[in-house]
Amino acid sequence: MNKQVFALAVSTALSATSLAIFSPPVSAQTSVTLYGVLDEGINYTNNVGRGHVYELASGYAQGSRWGLKGAEELGGGLKAIFQLENGFDVSSGRLDQGGRMFGRQAFVGLSSEPYGTLTFGRQYDSVVDYLAPTTANGNWAGLLFSHPYDNDNTDNSFRLDNSVKYTSPSLSGFQFGGVYSFSNDTGFANNRAYSFGGQYTYGGLLVAAAYLQADNPGNGSNGAITANDASFIAARMRVFGGGITYTFGPATAGFVYTNSNYLDPTGNGYLGVTPLVPLVPPGVLLNSLKYQNFEVNGKYQISPMLFVGAQYVYSMETYDASSGGVKPKIHSFGLMADYNLSKRTDVYIQGEYQQVTGDPTYSILDDAFTPGTQSPSSTSKQVVLRAAIRHKF
């Protein structure tokens, strides 16, 4: 009998010790969520090297990703939060975002309901946070519908490294925030960036505006926008814009204006090593490159399972080179239909047409190019068609 009592006591003590070691304190509640998106489909693109191409391609309506996010209650309404998000290519298994392990997002910080959120790490700028949701590409359509070369970053072609971000709580429908990204260089302003913006929601109305500036983006591997992450490489980048969407019943309509200004641009991440200036005559320098984008978009929810959407973007380009300045125009049209097979799985089809018109620059920018395709068109026109499946977990 005594042996049985002793054995029971030892067993109870071991169980209590295990609970104490492996169970979190009751006063500090924690949660960690694993999530992800897999977006894979078949693309057809014409006028690629004077031919056409069929390809299996990943991450268009949404970038394929997996991530971890979590929070710990610290008391008094204060939380410690974090998010790690990896981007990858489903077709090949390769890492995206320049081969980074957590290239989409990586941050840690503090969050308070009455005071807002302060985070530190690799994060989105305010154009992505506030203005992009009023565009088709930054909301429901994705990469193929982005503005030429994603010149305004509404499709988050790059993130900001070394960044400190503040996001306010929602104040009667109004929310604002800003981010500053350090150069991590002895030259304080060498490849730094800062951005701010806000949005207001009321019923079906969304109004948003944002500003972004980066000094020497794409310069080196340690600054705010590194060489293997930049869209345009330039001495300075400035982006600002505003947008509005309104939802009435099953329909949503929107209008967006963005203005992008690149000083002394030397390259573009989508074009690789292709120069932005004509090779003949030699010695031509590109002083500045500017885009004004006017977008009209609409979406109609035919049923809980099916929606269709359309977009038109008129882009005015100002090409100011040492050989003279010209102002081409770019027309982009996009159509999409999406059908939900379940709460987490859908199939969609997309089509995008782009045409460059007006004054020639005698450079690669005279050729149509839809971000996400293999290369610019061999002419001033390009068509892309996509059929894909997307699964979320």
Protein backbone atom coordinates (compact mmCIF):
# COMPACT_ATOMS: atom_id res chain seq x y z
CA MET A 1 0.00 0.00 0.00
CA ASN A 2 2.82 2.38 0.91
CA LYS A 3 4.55 1.61 -2.42
CA GLN A 4 1.36 2.49 -4.31
CA VAL A 5 1.00 5.79 -2.43
CA PHE A 6 4.66 6.65 -3.10
CA ALA A 7 4.34 5.82 -6.79
CA LEU A 8 1.21 7.99 -7.07
CA ALA A 9 2.95 10.90 -5.34
CA VAL A 10 5.99 10.68 -7.66
CA SER A 11 3.74 10.52 -10.73
CA THR A 12 1.75 13.58 -9.58
CA ALA A 13 4.94 15.54 -8.88
CA LEU A 14 6.41 14.73 -12.31
CA SER A 15 3.18 15.77 -14.04
CA ALA A 16 3.09 19.07 -12.17
CA THR A 17 6.75 19.73 -13.01
CA SER A 18 6.14 19.02 -16.72
CA LEU A 19 3.20 21.43 -16.79
CA ALA A 20 5.27 24.11 -15.09
CA ILE A 21 8.11 23.72 -17.59
CA PHE A 22 6.18 23.38 -20.84
CA SER A 23 3.08 25.51 -20.20
CA PRO A 24 3.22 29.29 -20.67
CA PRO A 25 2.30 31.50 -17.71
CA VAL A 26 -1.43 32.13 -17.42
CA SER A 27 -0.85 35.89 -17.20
CA ALA A 28 1.00 36.06 -20.55
CA GLN A 29 -1.23 34.71 -23.32
CA THR A 30 0.58 34.04 -26.59
CA SER A 31 -0.55 33.02 -30.07
CA VAL A 32 1.36 32.03 -33.22
CA THR A 33 -0.30 31.55 -36.62
CA LEU A 34 1.09 29.72 -39.64
CA TYR A 35 -0.42 30.90 -42.94
CA GLY A 36 0.29 30.94 -46.64
CA VAL A 37 -0.76 31.32 -50.28
CA LEU A 38 0.12 29.19 -53.30
CA ASP A 39 -0.67 30.83 -56.65
CA GLU A 40 0.27 28.83 -59.75
CA GLY A 41 -0.88 29.00 -63.35
CA ILE A 42 -0.12 28.96 -67.08
CA ASN A 43 0.74 32.18 -68.93
CA TYR A 44 0.70 33.00 -72.64
CA THR A 45 2.68 36.07 -73.75
CA ASN A 46 3.04 37.30 -77.33
CA ASN A 47 5.85 39.32 -78.92
CA VAL A 48 8.62 37.84 -76.76
CA GLY A 49 11.78 37.87 -78.88
CA ARG A 50 9.54 38.17 -81.96
CA GLY A 51 7.75 34.99 -80.90
CA HIS A 52 5.43 33.89 -78.13
CA VAL A 53 5.83 31.80 -74.99
CA TYR A 54 3.72 29.47 -72.84
CA GLU A 55 5.04 29.09 -69.31
CA LEU A 56 4.14 27.85 -65.85
CA ALA A 57 4.42 30.82 -63.51
CA SER A 58 3.87 31.52 -59.81
CA GLY A 59 2.48 34.37 -57.74
CA TYR A 60 0.43 36.75 -59.90
CA ALA A 61 -2.94 37.47 -58.29
CA GLN A 62 -1.03 37.10 -55.01
CA GLY A 63 2.62 36.35 -54.41
CA SER A 64 3.14 32.77 -53.24
CA ARG A 65 4.22 32.80 -49.61
CA TRP A 66 4.22 31.21 -46.19
CA GLY A 67 4.56 33.04 -42.91
CA LEU A 68 4.41 33.10 -39.16
CA LYS A 69 2.81 35.85 -37.10
CA GLY A 70 2.19 36.07 -33.40
CA ALA A 71 1.41 38.17 -30.38
CA GLU A 72 2.04 38.06 -26.64
CA GLU A 73 -0.15 39.89 -24.14
CA LEU A 74 2.06 42.08 -21.95
CA GLY A 75 -0.75 43.55 -19.84
CA GLY A 76 -2.59 46.84 -19.86
CA GLY A 77 -3.67 46.36 -23.51
CA LEU A 78 -0.04 46.17 -24.71
CA LYS A 79 1.15 43.35 -26.98
CA ALA A 80 4.49 42.21 -28.36
CA ILE A 81 3.99 41.24 -32.02
CA PHE A 82 6.07 39.75 -34.82
CA GLN A 83 5.70 38.61 -38.43
CA LEU A 84 8.03 36.59 -40.66
CA GLU A 85 6.90 36.07 -44.26
CA ASN A 86 8.73 34.10 -46.93
CA GLY A 87 8.13 34.55 -50.67
CA PHE A 88 8.84 31.68 -53.05
CA ASP A 89 8.28 30.44 -56.60
CA VAL A 90 5.99 27.40 -56.74
CA SER A 91 7.25 26.35 -60.20
CA SER A 92 10.88 25.99 -59.11
CA GLY A 93 10.87 26.17 -55.31
CA ARG A 94 13.30 29.09 -55.41
CA LEU A 95 13.19 31.97 -52.95
CA ASP A 96 11.85 35.29 -54.25
CA GLN A 97 12.78 38.85 -53.20
CA GLY A 98 16.46 38.50 -54.06
CA GLY A 99 16.83 35.09 -52.39
CA ARG A 100 15.90 36.30 -48.90
CA MET A 101 14.60 33.79 -46.37
CA PHE A 102 11.90 36.22 -45.19
CA GLY A 103 11.88 38.63 -48.11
CA ARG A 104 8.23 39.67 -47.99
CA GLN A 105 8.19 40.86 -44.35
CA ALA A 106 10.26 40.47 -41.20
CA PHE A 107 9.50 42.66 -38.19
CA VAL A 108 8.97 42.77 -34.44
CA GLY A 109 7.33 45.46 -32.32
CA LEU A 110 4.70 46.62 -29.87
CA SER A 111 0.98 47.15 -30.38
CA SER A 112 -1.55 49.04 -28.27
CA GLU A 113 -5.21 49.53 -29.14
CA PRO A 114 -5.42 53.14 -27.92
CA TYR A 115 -1.95 54.25 -29.12
CA GLY A 116 -1.17 52.27 -32.27
CA THR A 117 1.64 49.99 -33.42
CA LEU A 118 5.42 50.50 -33.58
CA THR A 119 7.45 47.93 -35.51
CA PHE A 120 11.08 47.41 -36.58
CA GLY A 121 12.49 45.41 -39.52
CA ARG A 122 11.83 44.81 -43.24
CA GLN A 123 8.41 46.28 -44.01
CA TYR A 124 6.04 47.80 -46.58
CA ASP A 125 6.05 51.54 -47.27
CA SER A 126 2.99 53.77 -46.88
CA VAL A 127 2.14 53.65 -50.59
CA VAL A 128 1.60 49.90 -50.24
CA ASP A 129 -0.17 50.19 -46.88
CA TYR A 130 -2.65 52.95 -47.70
CA LEU A 131 -2.81 53.84 -51.41
CA ALA A 132 -2.40 50.42 -53.08
CA PRO A 133 -5.79 49.07 -51.84
CA THR A 134 -7.51 51.62 -54.12
CA THR A 135 -5.78 50.14 -57.21
CA ALA A 136 -6.78 46.92 -58.97
CA ASN A 137 -3.27 45.45 -58.75
CA GLY A 138 -2.89 46.28 -55.06
CA ASN A 139 -6.29 44.89 -54.15
CA TRP A 140 -7.88 42.07 -56.18
CA ALA A 141 -5.91 41.64 -59.45
CA GLY A 142 -2.18 41.50 -58.68
CA LEU A 143 1.03 41.71 -60.70
CA LEU A 144 -0.22 41.76 -64.31
CA PHE A 145 -2.39 44.81 -63.58
CA SER A 146 0.41 46.92 -62.05
CA HIS A 147 1.30 50.28 -63.61
CA PRO A 148 4.19 50.28 -66.14
CA TYR A 149 7.29 48.80 -64.46
CA ASP A 150 5.34 49.18 -61.19
CA ASN A 151 6.80 52.70 -61.25
CA ASP A 152 4.81 53.76 -58.15
CA ASN A 153 5.32 50.54 -56.12
CA THR A 154 1.59 49.98 -55.67
CA ASP A 155 2.34 46.30 -56.39
CA ASN A 156 5.13 46.25 -53.73
CA SER A 157 8.01 45.40 -56.08
CA PHE A 158 10.34 46.29 -53.22
CA ARG A 159 10.22 46.54 -49.42
CA LEU A 160 12.08 48.86 -47.05
CA ASP A 161 14.92 47.36 -45.03
CA ASN A 162 16.13 48.78 -41.70
CA SER A 163 12.76 50.43 -41.17
CA VAL A 164 10.90 51.85 -38.19
CA LYS A 165 7.15 52.10 -38.77
CA TYR A 166 4.27 53.63 -36.83
CA THR A 167 0.63 52.79 -37.56
CA SER A 168 -2.13 54.68 -35.75
CA PRO A 169 -5.30 53.06 -34.41
CA SER A 170 -8.48 53.67 -36.38
CA LEU A 171 -9.91 57.03 -35.33
CA SER A 172 -13.56 57.20 -36.45
CA GLY A 173 -12.60 55.59 -39.76
CA PHE A 174 -9.32 57.51 -40.24
CA GLN A 175 -5.94 55.80 -39.98
CA PHE A 176 -2.46 57.13 -40.73
CA GLY A 177 1.14 56.06 -40.44
CA GLY A 178 4.72 56.53 -41.52
CA VAL A 179 7.98 54.67 -41.93
CA TYR A 180 11.67 55.68 -41.88
CA SER A 181 14.34 53.36 -43.28
CA PHE A 182 17.97 53.81 -42.28
CA SER A 183 20.81 53.69 -44.79
CA ASN A 184 23.01 51.89 -42.24
CA ASP A 185 25.85 53.85 -43.81
CA THR A 186 28.26 56.54 -42.61
CA GLY A 187 26.66 58.69 -45.30
CA PHE A 188 23.37 59.06 -43.42
CA ALA A 189 21.27 59.92 -46.49
CA ASN A 190 22.94 57.38 -48.79
CA ASN A 191 20.14 54.94 -49.64
CA ARG A 192 17.66 55.95 -46.95
CA ALA A 193 13.88 56.18 -47.43
CA TYR A 194 10.84 57.65 -45.72
CA SER A 195 7.14 57.43 -46.38
CA PHE A 196 3.82 58.45 -44.87
CA GLY A 197 0.15 58.17 -45.74
CA GLY A 198 -3.38 57.67 -44.53
CA GLN A 199 -6.83 56.46 -45.46
CA TYR A 200 -10.43 57.15 -44.46
CA THR A 201 -13.26 54.61 -44.59
CA TYR A 202 -16.95 55.24 -44.13
CA GLY A 203 -19.46 52.61 -45.19
CA GLY A 204 -18.51 51.61 -48.75
CA LEU A 205 -16.19 54.62 -49.20
CA LEU A 206 -12.38 54.42 -49.08
CA VAL A 207 -10.19 57.49 -49.65
CA ALA A 208 -6.39 57.24 -49.43
CA ALA A 209 -3.19 59.18 -50.09
CA ALA A 210 0.53 58.47 -49.61
CA TYR A 211 4.06 59.77 -50.25
CA LEU A 212 7.38 57.94 -50.62
CA GLN A 213 10.93 59.23 -51.09
CA ALA A 214 14.16 57.24 -51.37
CA ASP A 215 17.68 58.61 -51.83
CA ASN A 216 19.96 56.46 -54.02
CA PRO A 217 17.64 53.43 -54.16
CA GLY A 218 19.37 50.31 -55.43
CA ASN A 219 22.78 51.50 -54.25
CA GLY A 220 24.65 48.70 -52.43
CA SER A 221 23.46 45.81 -50.28
CA ASN A 222 22.83 47.38 -46.86
CA GLY A 223 20.54 50.36 -47.36
CA ALA A 224 16.80 50.90 -47.38
CA ILE A 225 16.30 49.58 -50.95
CA THR A 226 19.15 47.26 -51.93
CA ALA A 227 20.50 46.49 -55.39
CA ASN A 228 18.82 43.06 -55.61
CA ASP A 229 15.45 44.44 -54.48
CA ALA A 230 15.06 47.78 -56.29
CA SER A 231 12.59 48.54 -59.06
CA PHE A 232 14.36 51.63 -60.47
CA ILE A 233 17.98 52.42 -59.61
CA ALA A 234 18.36 56.19 -59.41
CA ALA A 235 19.80 59.11 -57.48
CA ARG A 236 16.37 59.86 -56.02
CA MET A 237 12.87 58.48 -56.16
CA ARG A 238 9.69 60.36 -55.27
CA VAL A 239 6.21 58.87 -55.44
CA PHE A 240 2.92 60.38 -54.34
CA GLY A 241 -0.72 59.86 -55.16
CA GLY A 242 -4.31 59.56 -54.08
CA GLY A 243 -7.18 57.20 -54.73
CA ILE A 244 -10.83 56.57 -53.99
CA THR A 245 -13.05 53.49 -54.18
CA TYR A 246 -16.74 53.14 -53.49
CA THR A 247 -18.70 49.92 -52.97
CA PHE A 248 -22.43 49.95 -53.61
CA GLY A 249 -24.16 46.61 -53.39
CA PRO A 250 -22.19 44.00 -55.36
CA ALA A 251 -20.22 46.63 -57.34
CA THR A 252 -16.99 48.49 -56.52
CA ALA A 253 -15.57 51.36 -58.60
CA GLY A 254 -12.31 53.21 -58.12
CA PHE A 255 -10.08 55.99 -59.44
CA VAL A 256 -6.38 56.42 -58.66
CA TYR A 257 -3.74 59.00 -59.57
CA THR A 258 -0.02 58.46 -58.90
CA ASN A 259 3.05 60.53 -59.77
CA SER A 260 6.52 58.95 -59.90
CA ASN A 261 9.73 60.91 -60.40
CA TYR A 262 13.18 59.33 -60.82
CA LEU A 263 16.27 61.55 -60.86
CA ASP A 264 19.28 60.26 -62.85
CA PRO A 265 17.89 56.72 -63.31
CA THR A 266 20.44 54.16 -64.51
CA GLY A 267 18.53 50.87 -64.45
CA ASN A 268 15.40 48.90 -63.66
CA GLY A 269 15.02 45.63 -61.78
CA TYR A 270 12.54 44.17 -64.28
CA LEU A 271 14.86 44.91 -67.24
CA GLY A 272 18.07 43.63 -65.66
CA VAL A 273 21.18 45.05 -67.34
CA THR A 274 19.28 46.59 -70.29
CA PRO A 275 20.15 50.32 -70.45
CA LEU A 276 17.39 52.92 -70.25
CA VAL A 277 19.12 55.16 -72.82
CA PRO A 278 19.65 54.60 -76.56
CA LEU A 279 22.97 53.00 -77.48
CA VAL A 280 23.21 55.26 -80.53
CA PRO A 281 24.41 57.97 -80.35
CA PRO A 282 26.79 57.04 -77.51
CA GLY A 283 27.12 59.15 -74.37
CA VAL A 284 23.43 59.98 -73.90
CA LEU A 285 22.47 60.48 -70.25
CA LEU A 286 18.99 60.16 -68.77
CA ASN A 287 18.42 63.17 -66.50
CA SER A 288 15.01 62.13 -65.20
CA LEU A 289 12.12 59.77 -65.83
CA LYS A 290 8.60 60.64 -64.73
CA TYR A 291 5.28 58.83 -64.83
CA GLN A 292 1.78 60.08 -64.20
CA ASN A 293 -0.69 57.20 -63.91
CA PHE A 294 -4.47 57.60 -64.13
CA GLU A 295 -6.36 54.41 -63.29
CA VAL A 296 -10.05 53.54 -63.46
CA ASN A 297 -11.05 50.14 -62.07
CA GLY A 298 -14.22 48.23 -61.31
CA LYS A 299 -15.27 44.93 -59.79
CA TYR A 300 -18.66 43.20 -59.74
CA GLN A 301 -19.56 40.33 -57.38
CA ILE A 302 -21.91 38.28 -59.56
CA SER A 303 -22.45 35.74 -56.77
CA PRO A 304 -20.74 34.82 -53.49
CA MET A 305 -18.51 32.49 -55.55
CA LEU A 306 -17.77 34.59 -58.66
CA PHE A 307 -16.53 38.10 -59.42
CA VAL A 308 -15.36 39.87 -62.56
CA GLY A 309 -13.13 42.95 -62.71
CA ALA A 310 -11.69 45.41 -65.20
CA GLN A 311 -9.03 48.11 -65.21
CA TYR A 312 -7.74 50.83 -67.53
CA VAL A 313 -4.55 52.81 -66.88
CA TYR A 314 -3.39 55.84 -68.87
CA SER A 315 0.28 56.61 -68.15
CA MET A 316 2.04 59.77 -69.28
CA GLU A 317 5.81 59.30 -69.40
CA THR A 318 8.30 62.19 -69.43
CA TYR A 319 11.70 61.08 -70.74
CA ASP A 320 14.27 63.85 -70.18
CA ALA A 321 17.67 62.93 -71.66
CA SER A 322 20.75 64.93 -72.55
CA SER A 323 19.76 64.46 -76.21
CA GLY A 324 16.34 66.01 -75.60
CA GLY A 325 12.99 65.29 -73.97
CA VAL A 326 9.94 63.39 -75.20
CA LYS A 327 6.57 62.37 -73.71
CA PRO A 328 5.30 58.93 -74.72
CA LYS A 329 1.93 57.57 -73.60
CA ILE A 330 1.13 54.08 -72.34
CA HIS A 331 -2.31 52.45 -72.42
CA SER A 332 -2.95 49.36 -70.25
CA PHE A 333 -6.19 47.31 -70.19
CA GLY A 334 -6.89 44.40 -67.85
CA LEU A 335 -9.76 41.92 -67.37
CA MET A 336 -10.17 39.22 -64.68
CA ALA A 337 -12.70 36.60 -63.56
CA ASP A 338 -12.34 34.65 -60.31
CA TYR A 339 -14.37 31.66 -59.10
CA ASN A 340 -14.21 30.24 -55.56
CA LEU A 341 -14.19 26.45 -55.39
CA SER A 342 -14.21 26.68 -51.57
CA LYS A 343 -13.39 29.17 -48.83
CA ARG A 344 -9.67 28.63 -49.39
CA THR A 345 -9.32 27.62 -53.06
CA ASP A 346 -10.19 29.56 -56.19
CA VAL A 347 -9.43 29.55 -59.92
CA TYR A 348 -9.04 32.67 -62.04
CA ILE A 349 -8.31 33.90 -65.55
CA GLN A 350 -6.67 37.21 -66.45
CA GLY A 351 -5.83 39.15 -69.58
CA GLU A 352 -3.66 42.25 -69.98
CA TYR A 353 -3.02 44.38 -73.08
CA GLN A 354 -0.50 47.22 -73.23
CA GLN A 355 0.38 49.68 -75.99
CA VAL A 356 3.04 52.42 -76.06
CA THR A 357 2.23 55.41 -78.26
CA GLY A 358 3.51 58.91 -78.99
CA ASP A 359 7.06 60.21 -79.17
CA PRO A 360 9.82 57.55 -79.29
CA THR A 361 12.70 57.54 -76.80
CA TYR A 362 14.77 55.19 -79.02
CA SER A 363 15.36 53.04 -75.93
CA ILE A 364 13.95 49.82 -74.46
CA LEU A 365 11.12 51.93 -72.99
CA ASP A 366 9.54 52.19 -76.45
CA ASP A 367 8.62 48.50 -76.24
CA ALA A 368 5.51 47.40 -74.34
CA PHE A 369 6.21 45.47 -71.16
CA THR A 370 3.87 43.93 -68.60
CA PRO A 371 5.58 43.21 -65.24
CA GLY A 372 5.70 39.47 -64.67
CA THR A 373 6.42 38.56 -68.30
CA GLN A 374 9.74 37.14 -69.46
CA SER A 375 10.87 40.25 -71.31
CA PRO A 376 9.63 43.40 -73.05
CA SER A 377 7.74 43.03 -76.29
CA SER A 378 9.55 43.18 -79.61
CA THR A 379 7.00 45.86 -80.59
CA SER A 380 5.01 48.63 -78.94
CA LYS A 381 2.21 46.15 -78.09
CA GLN A 382 1.97 43.14 -75.79
CA VAL A 383 -0.78 40.70 -74.71
CA VAL A 384 -0.63 38.39 -71.68
CA LEU A 385 -3.21 35.73 -70.77
CA ARG A 386 -3.21 33.67 -67.57
CA ALA A 387 -5.25 30.78 -66.10
CA ALA A 388 -4.39 29.81 -62.53
CA ILE A 389 -5.36 28.18 -59.26
CA ARG A 390 -4.80 29.73 -55.82
CA HIS A 391 -4.93 28.01 -52.43
CA LYS A 392 -4.75 29.72 -49.05
CA PHE A 393 -4.01 28.14 -45.70
